C-alpha cells in the first residue's frame, strides 16, 4: 500500500474522484489551469470534458491496468481501462451500440502535489456485450 502522501496515492485518489458519483470536481487533485496535450485550459474546462463523457455513460468507471510512478520527476504514466454503456448512439467520436470498453494511455506531470499537465492517448473502443459494436465516425 502506498504512503498517503506518495504520488501513487495521490493519483489513485484522483482516479477515485473521477469514479465518484456525483462527480465531485478535481480541484483537490489538479491545478486551476491544466495543460491537456499541449493545450492550456482552465480546470473547469477539463472537468467539463470529463463530466460530458460521464453524463453520456453514467456507468463509466476507470480502472488502472498499469501504473508507473517516478517520484523524483513527479511523473505518472498509466494504462486505464474503462467500460460503459453509452446512453446515445454516438459517444466520444464513435458510433456505439451496447456495452463497450476502451484502453487509454495517460501521462501526468505533477507540480506542488497536483496535476499540472496531462498527455492523453485515446484507445480503440471494443464492443463487449452481445451484439455490441463501436466504429469511429
N, C-alpha and C. Protein backbone atom coordinates (compact mmCIF):
# COMPACT_ATOMS: atom_id res chain seq x y z
N UNK A 1 0.85 -1.18 0.00
CA UNK A 1 0.00 0.00 0.00
C UNK A 1 0.90 1.24 0.00
N UNK A 2 0.57 2.20 -0.82
CA UNK A 2 1.36 3.42 -0.94
C UNK A 2 1.10 4.34 0.25
N UNK A 3 2.17 5.07 0.64
CA UNK A 3 2.01 6.08 1.69
C UNK A 3 1.02 7.14 1.21
N UNK A 4 0.24 7.69 2.13
CA UNK A 4 -0.85 8.61 1.75
C UNK A 4 -0.36 9.87 1.04
N UNK A 5 0.90 10.26 1.24
CA UNK A 5 1.42 11.45 0.57
C UNK A 5 2.24 11.11 -0.67
N UNK A 6 2.31 9.84 -1.04
CA UNK A 6 3.08 9.44 -2.21
C UNK A 6 2.34 9.84 -3.49
N UNK A 7 3.09 9.92 -4.56
CA UNK A 7 2.49 10.25 -5.85
C UNK A 7 1.49 9.17 -6.27
N UNK A 8 1.81 7.92 -5.99
CA UNK A 8 0.88 6.83 -6.31
C UNK A 8 -0.45 7.02 -5.58
N UNK A 9 -0.39 7.33 -4.30
CA UNK A 9 -1.62 7.54 -3.52
C UNK A 9 -2.40 8.74 -4.04
N UNK A 10 -1.70 9.80 -4.40
CA UNK A 10 -2.37 10.98 -4.96
C UNK A 10 -3.06 10.64 -6.27
N UNK A 11 -2.41 9.85 -7.11
CA UNK A 11 -3.01 9.50 -8.39
C UNK A 11 -4.22 8.59 -8.19
N UNK A 12 -4.12 7.63 -7.31
CA UNK A 12 -5.26 6.74 -7.03
C UNK A 12 -6.43 7.55 -6.49
N UNK A 13 -6.16 8.55 -5.65
CA UNK A 13 -7.23 9.42 -5.14
C UNK A 13 -7.89 10.20 -6.29
N UNK A 14 -7.10 10.62 -7.27
CA UNK A 14 -7.62 11.31 -8.46
C UNK A 14 -8.56 10.38 -9.25
N UNK A 15 -8.15 9.14 -9.47
CA UNK A 15 -9.00 8.17 -10.18
C UNK A 15 -10.27 7.91 -9.38
N UNK A 16 -10.16 7.80 -8.07
CA UNK A 16 -11.35 7.60 -7.23
C UNK A 16 -12.31 8.77 -7.36
N UNK A 17 -11.78 9.99 -7.46
CA UNK A 17 -12.64 11.17 -7.63
C UNK A 17 -13.36 11.13 -8.97
N UNK A 18 -12.65 10.72 -10.02
CA UNK A 18 -13.29 10.61 -11.34
C UNK A 18 -14.40 9.57 -11.32
N UNK A 19 -14.20 8.51 -10.56
CA UNK A 19 -15.20 7.44 -10.49
C UNK A 19 -16.35 7.74 -9.54
N UNK A 20 -16.24 8.75 -8.71
CA UNK A 20 -17.29 9.08 -7.74
C UNK A 20 -18.51 9.66 -8.44
N UNK A 21 -19.69 9.31 -7.94
CA UNK A 21 -20.94 9.88 -8.44
C UNK A 21 -21.71 10.41 -7.24
N UNK A 22 -22.18 11.65 -7.28
CA UNK A 22 -21.98 12.58 -8.39
C UNK A 22 -20.52 13.01 -8.49
N UNK A 23 -20.11 13.38 -9.69
CA UNK A 23 -18.74 13.80 -9.97
C UNK A 23 -18.40 15.01 -9.09
N UNK A 24 -17.38 14.88 -8.22
CA UNK A 24 -17.11 15.94 -7.24
C UNK A 24 -16.24 17.09 -7.73
N UNK A 25 -15.73 17.00 -8.95
CA UNK A 25 -14.77 18.01 -9.39
C UNK A 25 -13.36 17.59 -8.99
N UNK A 26 -12.37 18.30 -9.49
CA UNK A 26 -11.00 17.85 -9.33
C UNK A 26 -10.06 18.88 -8.72
N UNK A 27 -10.59 19.91 -8.09
CA UNK A 27 -9.72 20.99 -7.58
C UNK A 27 -8.74 20.50 -6.52
N UNK A 28 -9.05 19.43 -5.83
CA UNK A 28 -8.12 18.87 -4.84
C UNK A 28 -6.95 18.16 -5.51
N UNK A 29 -7.10 17.81 -6.79
CA UNK A 29 -6.12 16.97 -7.48
C UNK A 29 -5.37 17.68 -8.60
N UNK A 30 -5.92 18.79 -9.09
CA UNK A 30 -5.34 19.45 -10.26
C UNK A 30 -5.19 20.95 -10.01
N UNK A 31 -4.26 21.54 -10.74
CA UNK A 31 -4.07 23.00 -10.67
C UNK A 31 -5.27 23.70 -11.31
N UNK A 32 -5.42 24.97 -11.04
CA UNK A 32 -6.56 25.74 -11.57
C UNK A 32 -6.46 25.93 -13.08
N UNK A 33 -5.27 25.82 -13.62
CA UNK A 33 -5.05 25.77 -15.07
C UNK A 33 -4.28 24.49 -15.34
N UNK A 34 -4.72 23.72 -16.31
CA UNK A 34 -4.09 22.45 -16.64
C UNK A 34 -3.80 22.43 -18.13
N UNK A 35 -2.78 21.68 -18.52
CA UNK A 35 -2.45 21.53 -19.92
C UNK A 35 -2.80 20.11 -20.35
N UNK A 36 -3.63 19.99 -21.37
CA UNK A 36 -4.02 18.69 -21.93
C UNK A 36 -3.48 18.62 -23.35
N UNK A 37 -2.57 17.69 -23.59
CA UNK A 37 -1.96 17.53 -24.92
C UNK A 37 -1.50 18.87 -25.48
N UNK A 38 -0.77 19.61 -24.67
CA UNK A 38 -0.17 20.90 -25.04
C UNK A 38 -1.17 22.05 -25.18
N UNK A 39 -2.43 21.84 -24.80
CA UNK A 39 -3.42 22.92 -24.82
C UNK A 39 -3.74 23.32 -23.38
N UNK A 40 -3.44 24.55 -23.04
CA UNK A 40 -3.73 25.06 -21.71
C UNK A 40 -5.21 25.40 -21.60
N UNK A 41 -5.80 25.05 -20.45
CA UNK A 41 -7.22 25.33 -20.23
C UNK A 41 -7.49 25.48 -18.75
N UNK A 42 -8.55 26.20 -18.41
CA UNK A 42 -8.95 26.27 -17.00
C UNK A 42 -9.41 24.89 -16.53
N UNK A 43 -9.23 24.63 -15.26
CA UNK A 43 -9.66 23.35 -14.70
C UNK A 43 -11.13 23.08 -15.01
N UNK A 44 -11.97 24.10 -14.96
CA UNK A 44 -13.41 23.92 -15.24
C UNK A 44 -13.63 23.34 -16.63
N UNK A 45 -12.82 23.73 -17.60
CA UNK A 45 -12.96 23.19 -18.96
C UNK A 45 -12.55 21.72 -19.00
N UNK A 46 -11.47 21.37 -18.30
CA UNK A 46 -11.03 19.98 -18.22
C UNK A 46 -12.11 19.13 -17.55
N UNK A 47 -12.66 19.64 -16.44
CA UNK A 47 -13.73 18.92 -15.74
C UNK A 47 -14.94 18.73 -16.64
N UNK A 48 -15.25 19.72 -17.46
CA UNK A 48 -16.39 19.63 -18.38
C UNK A 48 -16.18 18.52 -19.40
N UNK A 49 -14.95 18.37 -19.90
CA UNK A 49 -14.66 17.28 -20.83
C UNK A 49 -14.99 15.93 -20.18
N UNK A 50 -14.56 15.75 -18.94
CA UNK A 50 -14.83 14.50 -18.23
C UNK A 50 -16.31 14.34 -17.92
N UNK A 51 -16.93 15.38 -17.39
CA UNK A 51 -18.33 15.26 -16.97
C UNK A 51 -19.26 15.04 -18.15
N UNK A 52 -18.92 15.58 -19.31
CA UNK A 52 -19.73 15.33 -20.52
C UNK A 52 -19.73 13.84 -20.85
N UNK A 53 -18.55 13.21 -20.79
CA UNK A 53 -18.47 11.77 -21.06
C UNK A 53 -19.18 10.96 -19.97
N UNK A 54 -19.02 11.38 -18.72
CA UNK A 54 -19.67 10.68 -17.61
C UNK A 54 -21.19 10.78 -17.73
N UNK A 55 -21.70 11.96 -18.08
CA UNK A 55 -23.15 12.13 -18.25
C UNK A 55 -23.68 11.27 -19.40
N UNK A 56 -22.87 11.10 -20.44
CA UNK A 56 -23.29 10.32 -21.60
C UNK A 56 -23.23 8.81 -21.34
N UNK A 57 -22.48 8.42 -20.32
CA UNK A 57 -22.35 7.00 -19.96
C UNK A 57 -22.19 6.92 -18.44
N UNK A 58 -23.29 7.04 -17.70
CA UNK A 58 -23.22 7.13 -16.23
C UNK A 58 -22.57 5.93 -15.54
N UNK A 59 -22.53 4.78 -16.21
CA UNK A 59 -21.90 3.61 -15.59
C UNK A 59 -20.40 3.54 -15.86
N UNK A 60 -19.83 4.56 -16.50
CA UNK A 60 -18.40 4.58 -16.81
C UNK A 60 -17.57 4.55 -15.53
N UNK A 61 -16.62 3.63 -15.51
CA UNK A 61 -15.68 3.53 -14.39
C UNK A 61 -14.28 3.32 -14.98
N UNK A 62 -13.32 4.03 -14.41
CA UNK A 62 -11.93 3.92 -14.84
C UNK A 62 -11.20 2.97 -13.90
N UNK A 63 -10.46 2.03 -14.48
CA UNK A 63 -9.71 1.06 -13.69
C UNK A 63 -8.27 1.06 -14.17
N UNK A 64 -7.35 1.16 -13.22
CA UNK A 64 -5.93 1.14 -13.56
C UNK A 64 -5.51 -0.26 -13.96
N UNK A 65 -4.98 -0.40 -15.16
CA UNK A 65 -4.46 -1.68 -15.62
C UNK A 65 -2.94 -1.73 -15.41
N UNK A 66 -2.30 -0.56 -15.45
CA UNK A 66 -0.86 -0.45 -15.24
C UNK A 66 -0.57 0.95 -14.72
N UNK A 67 0.32 1.04 -13.76
CA UNK A 67 0.66 2.34 -13.18
C UNK A 67 2.17 2.41 -12.96
N UNK A 68 2.79 3.43 -13.52
CA UNK A 68 4.22 3.68 -13.34
C UNK A 68 4.38 5.06 -12.73
N UNK A 69 5.17 5.15 -11.67
CA UNK A 69 5.34 6.40 -10.95
C UNK A 69 6.83 6.71 -10.83
N UNK A 70 7.20 7.93 -11.16
CA UNK A 70 8.57 8.41 -10.95
C UNK A 70 8.50 9.58 -9.96
N UNK A 71 8.73 9.28 -8.70
CA UNK A 71 8.63 10.29 -7.64
C UNK A 71 9.63 11.43 -7.88
N UNK A 72 10.85 11.10 -8.34
CA UNK A 72 11.87 12.14 -8.49
C UNK A 72 11.52 13.14 -9.58
N UNK A 73 10.87 12.69 -10.65
CA UNK A 73 10.45 13.60 -11.73
C UNK A 73 9.02 14.09 -11.56
N UNK A 74 8.31 13.54 -10.56
CA UNK A 74 6.91 13.88 -10.31
C UNK A 74 6.05 13.58 -11.54
N UNK A 75 6.25 12.37 -12.09
CA UNK A 75 5.51 11.94 -13.28
C UNK A 75 4.82 10.62 -13.03
N UNK A 76 3.65 10.48 -13.66
CA UNK A 76 2.86 9.26 -13.59
C UNK A 76 2.51 8.85 -15.02
N UNK A 77 2.62 7.57 -15.30
CA UNK A 77 2.17 7.01 -16.57
C UNK A 77 1.25 5.85 -16.27
N UNK A 78 0.21 5.69 -17.06
CA UNK A 78 -0.70 4.58 -16.77
C UNK A 78 -1.45 4.12 -18.02
N UNK A 79 -1.93 2.92 -17.89
CA UNK A 79 -2.86 2.34 -18.86
C UNK A 79 -4.16 2.18 -18.08
N UNK A 80 -5.21 2.80 -18.60
CA UNK A 80 -6.50 2.80 -17.92
C UNK A 80 -7.53 2.12 -18.81
N UNK A 81 -8.33 1.26 -18.22
CA UNK A 81 -9.46 0.67 -18.94
C UNK A 81 -10.74 1.28 -18.41
N UNK A 82 -11.63 1.61 -19.33
CA UNK A 82 -12.97 1.96 -18.87
C UNK A 82 -13.98 1.13 -19.64
N UNK A 83 -15.06 0.81 -18.96
CA UNK A 83 -16.19 0.08 -19.54
C UNK A 83 -17.43 0.91 -19.28
N UNK A 84 -18.32 0.93 -20.24
CA UNK A 84 -19.54 1.71 -20.05
C UNK A 84 -20.57 1.33 -21.10
N UNK A 85 -21.79 1.77 -20.85
CA UNK A 85 -22.89 1.60 -21.78
C UNK A 85 -23.43 2.99 -22.10
N UNK A 86 -22.95 3.60 -23.18
CA UNK A 86 -23.41 4.95 -23.53
C UNK A 86 -24.92 4.99 -23.76
N UNK A 87 -25.53 6.10 -23.36
CA UNK A 87 -26.98 6.27 -23.49
C UNK A 87 -27.41 6.61 -24.91
N UNK A 88 -26.51 7.20 -25.69
CA UNK A 88 -26.81 7.60 -27.06
C UNK A 88 -26.03 6.72 -28.04
N UNK A 89 -26.36 6.85 -29.33
CA UNK A 89 -25.68 6.05 -30.36
C UNK A 89 -24.31 6.60 -30.73
N UNK A 90 -24.04 7.85 -30.36
CA UNK A 90 -22.72 8.43 -30.59
C UNK A 90 -22.08 8.76 -29.26
N UNK A 91 -20.79 8.40 -29.14
CA UNK A 91 -20.08 8.60 -27.88
C UNK A 91 -18.60 8.79 -28.17
N UNK A 92 -18.06 9.92 -27.76
CA UNK A 92 -16.64 10.23 -27.91
C UNK A 92 -16.13 10.01 -29.34
N UNK A 93 -16.92 10.45 -30.31
CA UNK A 93 -16.49 10.34 -31.70
C UNK A 93 -16.67 8.96 -32.32
N UNK A 94 -17.47 8.12 -31.70
CA UNK A 94 -17.72 6.77 -32.20
C UNK A 94 -19.23 6.52 -32.27
N UNK A 95 -19.61 5.70 -33.22
CA UNK A 95 -20.98 5.18 -33.26
C UNK A 95 -20.95 3.90 -32.43
N UNK A 96 -21.78 3.84 -31.39
CA UNK A 96 -21.72 2.72 -30.46
C UNK A 96 -23.09 2.07 -30.29
N UNK A 97 -23.04 0.82 -29.90
CA UNK A 97 -24.25 0.07 -29.57
C UNK A 97 -23.87 -0.93 -28.48
N UNK A 98 -24.52 -0.83 -27.33
CA UNK A 98 -24.27 -1.77 -26.24
C UNK A 98 -23.10 -1.37 -25.37
N UNK A 99 -22.66 -2.33 -24.56
CA UNK A 99 -21.56 -2.09 -23.62
C UNK A 99 -20.22 -2.14 -24.36
N UNK A 100 -19.37 -1.16 -24.05
CA UNK A 100 -18.07 -1.07 -24.71
C UNK A 100 -16.95 -0.97 -23.67
N UNK A 101 -15.73 -1.19 -24.14
CA UNK A 101 -14.56 -0.94 -23.30
C UNK A 101 -13.51 -0.25 -24.15
N UNK A 102 -12.58 0.39 -23.45
CA UNK A 102 -11.51 1.10 -24.13
C UNK A 102 -10.29 1.13 -23.21
N UNK A 103 -9.12 0.95 -23.78
CA UNK A 103 -7.87 1.10 -23.04
C UNK A 103 -7.22 2.40 -23.49
N UNK A 104 -6.89 3.26 -22.55
CA UNK A 104 -6.24 4.53 -22.86
C UNK A 104 -4.91 4.61 -22.13
N UNK A 105 -4.00 5.39 -22.70
CA UNK A 105 -2.70 5.63 -22.07
C UNK A 105 -2.63 7.10 -21.69
N UNK A 106 -2.23 7.33 -20.46
CA UNK A 106 -2.20 8.68 -19.91
C UNK A 106 -0.84 8.92 -19.25
N UNK A 107 -0.38 10.15 -19.38
CA UNK A 107 0.84 10.58 -18.69
C UNK A 107 0.54 11.89 -17.98
N UNK A 108 1.10 12.06 -16.80
CA UNK A 108 0.81 13.23 -15.97
C UNK A 108 2.10 13.82 -15.42
N UNK A 109 2.14 15.14 -15.39
CA UNK A 109 3.22 15.86 -14.71
C UNK A 109 2.62 16.55 -13.50
N UNK A 110 3.14 16.26 -12.33
CA UNK A 110 2.70 16.90 -11.09
C UNK A 110 3.61 18.08 -10.77
N UNK A 111 3.03 19.11 -10.20
CA UNK A 111 3.77 20.24 -9.64
C UNK A 111 3.11 20.61 -8.32
N UNK A 112 3.91 20.76 -7.30
CA UNK A 112 3.39 21.16 -5.98
C UNK A 112 2.26 20.25 -5.51
N UNK A 113 2.39 18.95 -5.79
CA UNK A 113 1.43 17.97 -5.29
C UNK A 113 0.15 17.82 -6.09
N UNK A 114 0.03 18.56 -7.21
CA UNK A 114 -1.18 18.47 -8.03
C UNK A 114 -0.82 18.27 -9.50
N UNK A 115 -1.77 17.73 -10.25
CA UNK A 115 -1.56 17.52 -11.69
C UNK A 115 -1.54 18.87 -12.40
N UNK A 116 -0.49 19.08 -13.20
CA UNK A 116 -0.35 20.32 -13.97
C UNK A 116 -0.48 20.07 -15.47
N UNK A 117 0.00 18.90 -15.93
CA UNK A 117 -0.04 18.58 -17.35
C UNK A 117 -0.53 17.15 -17.55
N UNK A 118 -1.29 16.95 -18.63
CA UNK A 118 -1.84 15.64 -18.97
C UNK A 118 -1.58 15.38 -20.44
N UNK A 119 -1.09 14.19 -20.75
CA UNK A 119 -0.98 13.74 -22.14
C UNK A 119 -1.89 12.52 -22.25
N UNK A 120 -2.82 12.58 -23.17
CA UNK A 120 -3.85 11.55 -23.32
C UNK A 120 -3.74 10.92 -24.70
N UNK A 121 -3.63 9.61 -24.73
CA UNK A 121 -3.64 8.86 -25.98
C UNK A 121 -4.84 7.93 -25.96
N UNK A 122 -5.93 8.34 -26.63
CA UNK A 122 -7.14 7.52 -26.61
C UNK A 122 -6.92 6.19 -27.32
N UNK A 123 -7.65 5.20 -26.87
CA UNK A 123 -7.58 3.88 -27.47
C UNK A 123 -8.79 3.61 -28.35
N UNK A 124 -8.86 2.40 -28.84
CA UNK A 124 -9.98 1.97 -29.67
C UNK A 124 -11.08 1.38 -28.80
N UNK A 125 -12.30 1.64 -29.18
CA UNK A 125 -13.45 1.08 -28.47
C UNK A 125 -13.71 -0.33 -29.00
N UNK A 126 -14.13 -1.21 -28.08
CA UNK A 126 -14.46 -2.59 -28.43
C UNK A 126 -15.81 -2.91 -27.79
N UNK A 127 -16.72 -3.49 -28.57
CA UNK A 127 -17.99 -3.93 -28.02
C UNK A 127 -17.78 -5.17 -27.16
N UNK A 128 -18.40 -5.22 -25.97
CA UNK A 128 -18.18 -6.36 -25.08
C UNK A 128 -19.46 -7.07 -24.66
N UNK A 129 -20.61 -6.52 -25.00
CA UNK A 129 -21.86 -7.22 -24.71
C UNK A 129 -22.34 -7.88 -26.00
N UNK A 130 -23.24 -8.86 -25.92
CA UNK A 130 -23.74 -9.48 -27.14
C UNK A 130 -24.28 -8.41 -28.11
N UNK A 131 -23.90 -8.51 -29.35
CA UNK A 131 -24.31 -7.59 -30.41
C UNK A 131 -23.81 -6.16 -30.22
N UNK A 132 -22.86 -5.95 -29.33
CA UNK A 132 -22.31 -4.60 -29.12
C UNK A 132 -21.34 -4.27 -30.25
N UNK A 133 -21.21 -2.98 -30.53
CA UNK A 133 -20.29 -2.55 -31.58
C UNK A 133 -19.83 -1.12 -31.31
N UNK A 134 -18.71 -0.78 -31.92
CA UNK A 134 -18.18 0.58 -31.82
C UNK A 134 -17.37 0.86 -33.08
N UNK A 135 -17.74 1.89 -33.82
CA UNK A 135 -17.00 2.28 -35.02
C UNK A 135 -16.72 3.77 -34.97
N UNK A 136 -15.53 4.13 -35.40
CA UNK A 136 -15.13 5.53 -35.40
C UNK A 136 -15.92 6.29 -36.44
N UNK A 137 -16.38 7.50 -36.07
CA UNK A 137 -17.13 8.35 -37.01
C UNK A 137 -16.19 9.04 -37.96
